[in-house]
Amino acid sequence: MAETRKNVFKARKVTEKYLQSRAEMLFRQQTAVSEIAKFTGGSTSYLEQPEQADEVYSEILSAINWRYTIGYYPTNQAQDGKVRKLKVEVR
């Protein structure tokens, strides 16, 4: 298996510069996703070690338990773009 992987790297001519560039790109992508999550009220968690799995999954389950969804189904079927008044009641 290791020999096969080595041959793939040789065939693709993977260099240290390429790997560094790829790592930097992935880091920028993770940072962007994190910022979007924060901006929209969410969060991100990254599992760096397998031992962190229980903690990360517990945080996710806890966050799920605090969420709610509000739906709106208009009774006025006219799609005329007018503003509608809504009343939201919470028990």
PDB file of N, CA and C in Angstrom:
ATOM      1  N   MET A   1       0.828  -1.197   0.000  1.00  0.00           N
ATOM      2  CA  MET A   1       0.000   0.000   0.000  1.00  0.00           C
ATOM      3  C   MET A   1       0.870   1.257   0.000  1.00  0.00           C
ATOM      4  N   ALA A   2       1.847   1.303   0.897  1.00  0.00           N
ATOM      5  CA  ALA A   2       2.728   2.475   0.971  1.00  0.00           C
ATOM      6  C   ALA A   2       3.492   2.649  -0.337  1.00  0.00           C
ATOM      7  N   GLU A   3       3.908   1.546  -0.925  1.00  0.00           N
ATOM      8  CA  GLU A   3       4.635   1.622  -2.196  1.00  0.00           C
ATOM      9  C   GLU A   3       3.738   2.173  -3.294  1.00  0.00           C
ATOM     10  N   THR A   4       2.477   1.748  -3.316  1.00  0.00           N
ATOM     11  CA  THR A   4       1.529   2.254  -4.312  1.00  0.00           C
ATOM     12  C   THR A   4       1.338   3.759  -4.148  1.00  0.00           C
ATOM     13  N   ARG A   5       1.169   4.211  -2.922  1.00  0.00           N
ATOM     14  CA  ARG A   5       0.994   5.634  -2.646  1.00  0.00           C
ATOM     15  C   ARG A   5       2.234   6.418  -3.102  1.00  0.00           C
ATOM     16  N   LYS A   6       3.386   5.848  -2.859  1.00  0.00           N
ATOM     17  CA  LYS A   6       4.638   6.487  -3.267  1.00  0.00           C
ATOM     18  C   LYS A   6       4.670   6.656  -4.787  1.00  0.00           C
ATOM     19  N   ASN A   7       4.239   5.619  -5.513  1.00  0.00           N
ATOM     20  CA  ASN A   7       4.215   5.687  -6.969  1.00  0.00           C
ATOM     21  C   ASN A   7       3.234   6.729  -7.468  1.00  0.00           C
ATOM     22  N   VAL A   8       2.096   6.881  -6.782  1.00  0.00           N
ATOM     23  CA  VAL A   8       1.112   7.890  -7.165  1.00  0.00           C
ATOM     24  C   VAL A   8       1.730   9.276  -7.021  1.00  0.00           C
ATOM     25  N   PHE A   9       2.424   9.508  -5.903  1.00  0.00           N
ATOM     26  CA  PHE A   9       3.063  10.811  -5.705  1.00  0.00           C
ATOM     27  C   PHE A   9       4.115  11.071  -6.781  1.00  0.00           C
ATOM     28  N   LYS A  10       4.862  10.050  -7.125  1.00  0.00           N
ATOM     29  CA  LYS A  10       5.862  10.212  -8.177  1.00  0.00           C
ATOM     30  C   LYS A  10       5.187  10.530  -9.504  1.00  0.00           C
ATOM     31  N   ALA A  11       4.121   9.801  -9.816  1.00  0.00           N
ATOM     32  CA  ALA A  11       3.421  10.004 -11.085  1.00  0.00           C
ATOM     33  C   ALA A  11       2.850  11.410 -11.168  1.00  0.00           C
ATOM     34  N   ARG A  12       2.368  11.950 -10.070  1.00  0.00           N
ATOM     35  CA  ARG A  12       1.787  13.289 -10.058  1.00  0.00           C
ATOM     36  C   ARG A  12       2.834  14.372  -9.811  1.00  0.00           C
ATOM     37  N   LYS A  13       4.052  13.953  -9.518  1.00  0.00           N
ATOM     38  CA  LYS A  13       5.144  14.877  -9.234  1.00  0.00           C
ATOM     39  C   LYS A  13       4.753  15.848  -8.126  1.00  0.00           C
ATOM     40  N   VAL A  14       4.277  15.277  -7.018  1.00  0.00           N
ATOM     41  CA  VAL A  14       3.873  16.070  -5.866  1.00  0.00           C
ATOM     42  C   VAL A  14       5.126  16.571  -5.178  1.00  0.00           C
ATOM     43  N   THR A  15       5.196  17.873  -5.083  1.00  0.00           N
ATOM     44  CA  THR A  15       6.356  18.483  -4.446  1.00  0.00           C
ATOM     45  C   THR A  15       5.961  19.038  -3.085  1.00  0.00           C
ATOM     46  N   GLU A  16       6.969  19.355  -2.302  1.00  0.00           N
ATOM     47  CA  GLU A  16       6.714  19.972  -0.998  1.00  0.00           C
ATOM     48  C   GLU A  16       6.014  21.318  -1.184  1.00  0.00           C
ATOM     49  N   LYS A  17       6.396  22.034  -2.221  1.00  0.00           N
ATOM     50  CA  LYS A  17       5.760  23.331  -2.519  1.00  0.00           C
ATOM     51  C   LYS A  17       4.266  23.141  -2.808  1.00  0.00           C
ATOM     52  N   TYR A  18       3.930  22.100  -3.570  1.00  0.00           N
ATOM     53  CA  TYR A  18       2.526  21.812  -3.879  1.00  0.00           C
ATOM     54  C   TYR A  18       1.765  21.487  -2.597  1.00  0.00           C
ATOM     55  N   LEU A  19       2.336  20.624  -1.755  1.00  0.00           N
ATOM     56  CA  LEU A  19       1.676  20.248  -0.507  1.00  0.00           C
ATOM     57  C   LEU A  19       1.469  21.462   0.395  1.00  0.00           C
ATOM     58  N   GLN A  20       2.460  22.349   0.471  1.00  0.00           N
ATOM     59  CA  GLN A  20       2.340  23.560   1.274  1.00  0.00           C
ATOM     60  C   GLN A  20       1.225  24.445   0.726  1.00  0.00           C
ATOM     61  N   SER A  21       1.190  24.587  -0.581  1.00  0.00           N
ATOM     62  CA  SER A  21       0.154  25.394  -1.231  1.00  0.00           C
ATOM     63  C   SER A  21      -1.230  24.813  -0.958  1.00  0.00           C
ATOM     64  N   ARG A  22      -1.340  23.508  -1.061  1.00  0.00           N
ATOM     65  CA  ARG A  22      -2.624  22.822  -0.804  1.00  0.00           C
ATOM     66  C   ARG A  22      -3.059  23.004   0.647  1.00  0.00           C
ATOM     67  N   ALA A  23      -2.123  22.881   1.581  1.00  0.00           N
ATOM     68  CA  ALA A  23      -2.441  23.058   3.002  1.00  0.00           C
ATOM     69  C   ALA A  23      -2.924  24.480   3.276  1.00  0.00           C
ATOM     70  N   GLU A  24      -2.261  25.460   2.661  1.00  0.00           N
ATOM     71  CA  GLU A  24      -2.667  26.855   2.847  1.00  0.00           C
ATOM     72  C   GLU A  24      -4.064  27.099   2.275  1.00  0.00           C
ATOM     73  N   MET A  25      -4.365  26.501   1.123  1.00  0.00           N
ATOM     74  CA  MET A  25      -5.683  26.654   0.512  1.00  0.00           C
ATOM     75  C   MET A  25      -6.767  26.045   1.413  1.00  0.00           C
ATOM     76  N   LEU A  26      -6.504  24.850   1.931  1.00  0.00           N
ATOM     77  CA  LEU A  26      -7.471  24.203   2.816  1.00  0.00           C
ATOM     78  C   LEU A  26      -7.681  25.024   4.090  1.00  0.00           C
ATOM     79  N   PHE A  27      -6.619  25.605   4.614  1.00  0.00           N
ATOM     80  CA  PHE A  27      -6.729  26.454   5.803  1.00  0.00           C
ATOM     81  C   PHE A  27      -7.600  27.679   5.506  1.00  0.00           C
ATOM     82  N   ARG A  28      -7.397  28.298   4.341  1.00  0.00           N
ATOM     83  CA  ARG A  28      -8.226  29.456   3.964  1.00  0.00           C
ATOM     84  C   ARG A  28      -9.685  29.056   3.820  1.00  0.00           C
ATOM     85  N   GLN A  29      -9.927  27.884   3.263  1.00  0.00           N
ATOM     86  CA  GLN A  29     -11.305  27.412   3.113  1.00  0.00           C
ATOM     87  C   GLN A  29     -11.948  27.169   4.479  1.00  0.00           C
ATOM     88  N   GLN A  30     -11.227  26.541   5.390  1.00  0.00           N
ATOM     89  CA  GLN A  30     -11.752  26.306   6.735  1.00  0.00           C
ATOM     90  C   GLN A  30     -12.030  27.630   7.445  1.00  0.00           C
ATOM     91  N   THR A  31     -11.148  28.590   7.275  1.00  0.00           N
ATOM     92  CA  THR A  31     -11.334  29.894   7.883  1.00  0.00           C
ATOM     93  C   THR A  31     -12.580  30.574   7.328  1.00  0.00           C
ATOM     94  N   ALA A  32     -12.778  30.488   6.018  1.00  0.00           N
ATOM     95  CA  ALA A  32     -13.957  31.090   5.393  1.00  0.00           C
ATOM     96  C   ALA A  32     -15.233  30.441   5.914  1.00  0.00           C
ATOM     97  N   VAL A  33     -15.263  29.123   6.011  1.00  0.00           N
ATOM     98  CA  VAL A  33     -16.439  28.422   6.521  1.00  0.00           C
ATOM     99  C   VAL A  33     -16.700  28.824   7.965  1.00  0.00           C
ATOM    100  N   SER A  34     -15.650  28.951   8.746  1.00  0.00           N
ATOM    101  CA  SER A  34     -15.789  29.374  10.144  1.00  0.00           C
ATOM    102  C   SER A  34     -16.399  30.768  10.241  1.00  0.00           C
ATOM    103  N   GLU A  35     -15.936  31.664   9.409  1.00  0.00           N
ATOM    104  CA  GLU A  35     -16.458  33.039   9.423  1.00  0.00           C
ATOM    105  C   GLU A  35     -17.926  33.070   9.001  1.00  0.00           C
ATOM    106  N   ILE A  36     -18.288  32.310   7.998  1.00  0.00           N
ATOM    107  CA  ILE A  36     -19.692  32.239   7.568  1.00  0.00           C
ATOM    108  C   ILE A  36     -20.540  31.683   8.700  1.00  0.00           C
ATOM    109  N   ALA A  37     -20.063  30.652   9.360  1.00  0.00           N
ATOM    110  CA  ALA A  37     -20.810  30.058  10.472  1.00  0.00           C
ATOM    111  C   ALA A  37     -21.030  31.084  11.577  1.00  0.00           C
ATOM    112  N   LYS A  38     -19.976  31.813  11.963  1.00  0.00           N
ATOM    113  CA  LYS A  38     -20.109  32.835  13.015  1.00  0.00           C
ATOM    114  C   LYS A  38     -21.086  33.922  12.598  1.00  0.00           C
ATOM    115  N   PHE A  39     -20.975  34.366  11.360  1.00  0.00           N
ATOM    116  CA  PHE A  39     -21.820  35.448  10.845  1.00  0.00           C
ATOM    117  C   PHE A  39     -23.294  35.059  10.858  1.00  0.00           C
ATOM    118  N   THR A  40     -23.587  33.777  10.657  1.00  0.00           N
ATOM    119  CA  THR A  40     -24.965  33.322  10.585  1.00  0.00           C
ATOM    120  C   THR A  40     -25.453  32.691  11.892  1.00  0.00           C
ATOM    121  N   GLY A  41     -24.670  32.845  12.957  1.00  0.00           N
ATOM    122  CA  GLY A  41     -25.102  32.337  14.263  1.00  0.00           C
ATOM    123  C   GLY A  41     -24.686  30.910  14.551  1.00  0.00           C
ATOM    124  N   GLY A  42     -23.854  30.353  13.728  1.00  0.00           N
ATOM    125  CA  GLY A  42     -23.405  28.978  13.931  1.00  0.00           C
ATOM    126  C   GLY A  42     -22.010  28.919  14.511  1.00  0.00           C
ATOM    127  N   SER A  43     -21.425  27.772  14.450  1.00  0.00           N
ATOM    128  CA  SER A  43     -20.059  27.595  14.935  1.00  0.00           C
ATOM    129  C   SER A  43     -19.403  26.460  14.162  1.00  0.00           C
ATOM    130  N   THR A  44     -18.127  26.312  14.326  1.00  0.00           N
ATOM    131  CA  THR A  44     -17.407  25.214  13.689  1.00  0.00           C
ATOM    132  C   THR A  44     -16.566  24.501  14.734  1.00  0.00           C
ATOM    133  N   SER A  45     -16.367  23.229  14.529  1.00  0.00           N
ATOM    134  CA  SER A  45     -15.503  22.423  15.384  1.00  0.00           C
ATOM    135  C   SER A  45     -14.661  21.551  14.470  1.00  0.00           C
ATOM    136  N   TYR A  46     -13.399  21.457  14.773  1.00  0.00           N
ATOM    137  CA  TYR A  46     -12.505  20.625  13.981  1.00  0.00           C
ATOM    138  C   TYR A  46     -11.926  19.539  14.867  1.00  0.00           C
ATOM    139  N   LEU A  47     -12.024  18.330  14.405  1.00  0.00           N
ATOM    140  CA  LEU A  47     -11.526  17.177  15.131  1.00  0.00           C
ATOM    141  C   LEU A  47     -10.057  16.996  14.761  1.00  0.00           C
ATOM    142  N   GLU A  48      -9.178  17.342  15.681  1.00  0.00           N
ATOM    143  CA  GLU A  48      -7.745  17.230  15.409  1.00  0.00           C
ATOM    144  C   GLU A  48      -7.170  15.911  15.902  1.00  0.00           C
ATOM    145  N   GLN A  49      -7.770  15.368  16.944  1.00  0.00           N
ATOM    146  CA  GLN A  49      -7.339  14.087  17.500  1.00  0.00           C
ATOM    147  C   GLN A  49      -8.578  13.222  17.720  1.00  0.00           C
ATOM    148  N   PRO A  50      -8.497  11.923  17.473  1.00  0.00           N
ATOM    149  CA  PRO A  50      -9.659  11.051  17.675  1.00  0.00           C
ATOM    150  C   PRO A  50     -10.246  11.157  19.088  1.00  0.00           C
ATOM    151  N   GLU A  51      -9.399  11.440  20.064  1.00  0.00           N
ATOM    152  CA  GLU A  51      -9.850  11.544  21.456  1.00  0.00           C
ATOM    153  C   GLU A  51     -10.826  12.707  21.662  1.00  0.00           C
ATOM    154  N   GLN A  52     -10.861  13.648  20.736  1.00  0.00           N
ATOM    155  CA  GLN A  52     -11.742  14.812  20.856  1.00  0.00           C
ATOM    156  C   GLN A  52     -13.160  14.528  20.370  1.00  0.00           C
ATOM    157  N   ALA A  53     -13.393  13.375  19.783  1.00  0.00           N
ATOM    158  CA  ALA A  53     -14.683  13.073  19.160  1.00  0.00           C
ATOM    159  C   ALA A  53     -15.845  13.207  20.133  1.00  0.00           C
ATOM    160  N   ASP A  54     -15.740  12.621  21.320  1.00  0.00           N
ATOM    161  CA  ASP A  54     -16.847  12.693  22.279  1.00  0.00           C
ATOM    162  C   ASP A  54     -17.199  14.130  22.633  1.00  0.00           C
ATOM    163  N   GLU A  55     -16.199  14.948  22.858  1.00  0.00           N
ATOM    164  CA  GLU A  55     -16.432  16.355  23.221  1.00  0.00           C
ATOM    165  C   GLU A  55     -17.095  17.114  22.068  1.00  0.00           C
ATOM    166  N   VAL A  56     -16.581  16.943  20.870  1.00  0.00           N
ATOM    167  CA  VAL A  56     -17.125  17.642  19.702  1.00  0.00           C
ATOM    168  C   VAL A  56     -18.563  17.201  19.443  1.00  0.00           C
ATOM    169  N   TYR A  57     -18.821  15.890  19.474  1.00  0.00           N
ATOM    170  CA  TYR A  57     -20.180  15.402  19.228  1.00  0.00           C
ATOM    171  C   TYR A  57     -21.140  15.858  20.320  1.00  0.00           C
ATOM    172  N   SER A  58     -20.683  15.930  21.565  1.00  0.00           N
ATOM    173  CA  SER A  58     -21.534  16.417  22.657  1.00  0.00           C
ATOM    174  C   SER A  58     -21.920  17.869  22.431  1.00  0.00           C
ATOM    175  N   GLU A  59     -20.965  18.687  21.973  1.00  0.00           N
ATOM    176  CA  GLU A  59     -21.254  20.093  21.676  1.00  0.00           C
ATOM    177  C   GLU A  59     -22.284  20.214  20.552  1.00  0.00           C
ATOM    178  N   ILE A  60     -22.148  19.387  19.533  1.00  0.00           N
ATOM    179  CA  ILE A  60     -23.091  19.420  18.409  1.00  0.00           C
ATOM    180  C   ILE A  60     -24.489  19.036  18.888  1.00  0.00           C
ATOM    181  N   LEU A  61     -24.598  17.947  19.652  1.00  0.00           N
ATOM    182  CA  LEU A  61     -25.906  17.509  20.144  1.00  0.00           C
ATOM    183  C   LEU A  61     -26.531  18.545  21.063  1.00  0.00           C
ATOM    184  N   SER A  62     -25.717  19.183  21.878  1.00  0.00           N
ATOM    185  CA  SER A  62     -26.224  20.232  22.764  1.00  0.00           C
ATOM    186  C   SER A  62     -26.778  21.395  21.944  1.00  0.00           C
ATOM    187  N   ALA A  63     -26.070  21.791  20.915  1.00  0.00           N
ATOM    188  CA  ALA A  63     -26.519  22.901  20.064  1.00  0.00           C
ATOM    189  C   ALA A  63     -27.817  22.539  19.350  1.00  0.00           C
ATOM    190  N   ILE A  64     -27.935  21.305  18.904  1.00  0.00           N
ATOM    191  CA  ILE A  64     -29.153  20.867  18.217  1.00  0.00           C
ATOM    192  C   ILE A  64     -30.359  20.965  19.146  1.00  0.00           C
ATOM    193  N   ASN A  65     -30.177  20.645  20.411  1.00  0.00           N
ATOM    194  CA  ASN A  65     -31.285  20.681  21.370  1.00  0.00           C
ATOM    195  C   ASN A  65     -31.786  22.097  21.644  1.00  0.00           C
ATOM    196  N   TRP A  66     -31.017  23.120  21.303  1.00  0.00           N
ATOM    197  CA  TRP A  66     -31.411  24.511  21.545  1.00  0.00           C
ATOM    198  C   TRP A  66     -31.983  25.184  20.311  1.00  0.00           C
ATOM    199  N   ARG A  67     -32.177  24.463  19.238  1.00  0.00           N
ATOM    200  CA  ARG A  67     -32.649  25.056  17.981  1.00  0.00           C
ATOM    201  C   ARG A  67     -34.150  24.913  17.832  1.00  0.00           C
ATOM    202  N   TYR A  68     -34.690  25.778  17.014  1.00  0.00           N
ATOM    203  CA  TYR A  68     -36.104  25.703  16.682  1.00  0.00           C
ATOM    204  C   TYR A  68     -36.305  26.221  15.276  1.00  0.00           C
ATOM    205  N   THR A  69     -37.444  25.903  14.710  1.00  0.00           N
ATOM    206  CA  THR A  69     -37.762  26.326  13.353  1.00  0.00           C
ATOM    207  C   THR A  69     -39.119  27.013  13.356  1.00  0.00           C
ATOM    208  N   ILE A  70     -39.213  28.091  12.634  1.00  0.00           N
ATOM    209  CA  ILE A  70     -40.486  28.783  12.463  1.00  0.00           C
ATOM    210  C   ILE A  70     -40.862  28.685  10.997  1.00  0.00           C
ATOM    211  N   GLY A  71     -42.091  28.271  10.742  1.00  0.00           N
ATOM    212  CA  GLY A  71     -42.561  28.176   9.362  1.00  0.00           C
ATOM    213  C   GLY A  71     -43.683  29.172   9.122  1.00  0.00           C
ATOM    214  N   TYR A  72     -43.858  29.542   7.886  1.00  0.00           N
ATOM    215  CA  TYR A  72     -44.920  30.480   7.514  1.00  0.00           C
ATOM    216  C   TYR A  72     -45.608  29.981   6.263  1.00  0.00           C
ATOM    217  N   TYR A  73     -46.904  29.806   6.359  1.00  0.00           N
ATOM    218  CA  TYR A  73     -47.709  29.394   5.219  1.00  0.00           C
ATOM    219  C   TYR A  73     -48.796  30.446   5.035  1.00  0.00           C
ATOM    220  N   PRO A  74     -48.699  31.285   4.032  1.00  0.00           N
ATOM    221  CA  PRO A  74     -49.680  32.360   3.860  1.00  0.00           C
ATOM    222  C   PRO A  74     -51.068  31.821   3.504  1.00  0.00           C
ATOM    223  N   THR A  75     -52.075  32.462   4.090  1.00  0.00           N
ATOM    224  CA  THR A  75     -53.447  32.089   3.724  1.00  0.00           C
ATOM    225  C   THR A  75     -53.879  32.862   2.492  1.00  0.00           C
ATOM    226  N   ASN A  76     -53.295  34.020   2.276  1.00  0.00           N
ATOM    227  CA  ASN A  76     -53.566  34.822   1.092  1.00  0.00           C
ATOM    228  C   ASN A  76     -52.653  34.297  -0.016  1.00  0.00           C
ATOM    229  N   GLN A  77     -53.225  33.635  -0.985  1.00  0.00           N
ATOM    230  CA  GLN A  77     -52.431  32.999  -2.039  1.00  0.00           C
ATOM    231  C   GLN A  77     -51.950  33.976  -3.116  1.00  0.00           C
ATOM    232  N   ALA A  78     -52.359  35.236  -3.017  1.00  0.00           N
ATOM    233  CA  ALA A  78     -51.910  36.223  -4.000  1.00  0.00           C
ATOM    234  C   ALA A  78     -50.428  36.508  -3.767  1.00  0.00           C
ATOM    235  N   GLN A  79     -49.637  36.227  -4.746  1.00  0.00           N
ATOM    236  CA  GLN A  79     -48.199  36.499  -4.638  1.00  0.00           C
ATOM    237  C   GLN A  79     -47.929  37.868  -5.243  1.00  0.00           C
ATOM    238  N   ASP A  80     -48.398  38.885  -4.499  1.00  0.00           N
ATOM    239  CA  ASP A  80     -48.343  40.243  -5.028  1.00  0.00           C
ATOM    240  C   ASP A  80     -47.191  41.069  -4.454  1.00  0.00           C
ATOM    241  N   GLY A  81     -46.353  40.468  -3.639  1.00  0.00           N
ATOM    242  CA  GLY A  81     -45.199  41.169  -3.103  1.00  0.00           C
ATOM    243  C   GLY A  81     -45.504  42.104  -1.951  1.00  0.00           C
ATOM    244  N   LYS A  82     -46.749  42.157  -1.501  1.00  0.00           N
ATOM    245  CA  LYS A  82     -47.120  43.054  -0.403  1.00  0.00           C
ATOM    246  C   LYS A  82     -46.606  42.506   0.927  1.00  0.00           C
ATOM    247  N   VAL A  83     -46.348  43.437   1.836  1.00  0.00           N
ATOM    248  CA  VAL A  83     -45.895  43.074   3.170  1.00  0.00           C
ATOM    249  C   VAL A  83     -47.070  42.481   3.942  1.00  0.00           C
ATOM    250  N   ARG A  84     -46.819  41.414   4.663  1.00  0.00           N
ATOM    251  CA  ARG A  84     -47.838  40.747   5.479  1.00  0.00           C
ATOM    252  C   ARG A  84     -47.517  40.981   6.951  1.00  0.00           C
ATOM    253  N   LYS A  85     -48.537  41.053   7.767  1.00  0.00           N
ATOM    254  CA  LYS A  85     -48.341  41.130   9.220  1.00  0.00           C
ATOM    255  C   LYS A  85     -48.345  39.725   9.769  1.00  0.00           C
ATOM    256  N   LEU A  86     -47.404  39.472  10.662  1.00  0.00           N
ATOM    257  CA  LEU A  86     -47.292  38.173  11.308  1.00  0.00           C
ATOM    258  C   LEU A  86     -47.367  38.346  12.808  1.00  0.00           C
ATOM    259  N   LYS A  87     -47.950  37.392  13.464  1.00  0.00           N
ATOM    260  CA  LYS A  87     -47.962  37.374  14.916  1.00  0.00           C
ATOM    261  C   LYS A  87     -47.338  36.059  15.355  1.00  0.00           C
ATOM    262  N   VAL A  88     -46.303  36.132  16.157  1.00  0.00           N
ATOM    263  CA  VAL A  88     -45.613  34.934  16.630  1.00  0.00           C
ATOM    264  C   VAL A  88     -45.843  34.815  18.128  1.00  0.00           C
ATOM    265  N   GLU A  89     -46.361  33.690  18.554  1.00  0.00           N
ATOM    266  CA  GLU A  89     -46.589  33.431  19.969  1.00  0.00           C
ATOM    267  C   GLU A  89     -45.706  32.264  20.391  1.00  0.00           C
ATOM    268  N   VAL A  90     -45.147  32.382  21.582  1.00  0.00           N
ATOM    269  CA  VAL A  90     -44.283  31.338  22.105  1.00  0.00           C
ATOM    270  C   VAL A  90     -44.882  30.828  23.406  1.00  0.00           C
ATOM    271  N   ARG A  91     -44.953  29.526  23.518  1.00  0.00           N
ATOM    272  CA  ARG A  91     -45.487  28.932  24.753  1.00  0.00           C
ATOM    273  C   ARG A  91     -44.410  28.848  25.793  1.00  0.00           C
TER     274      ARG A  91
END
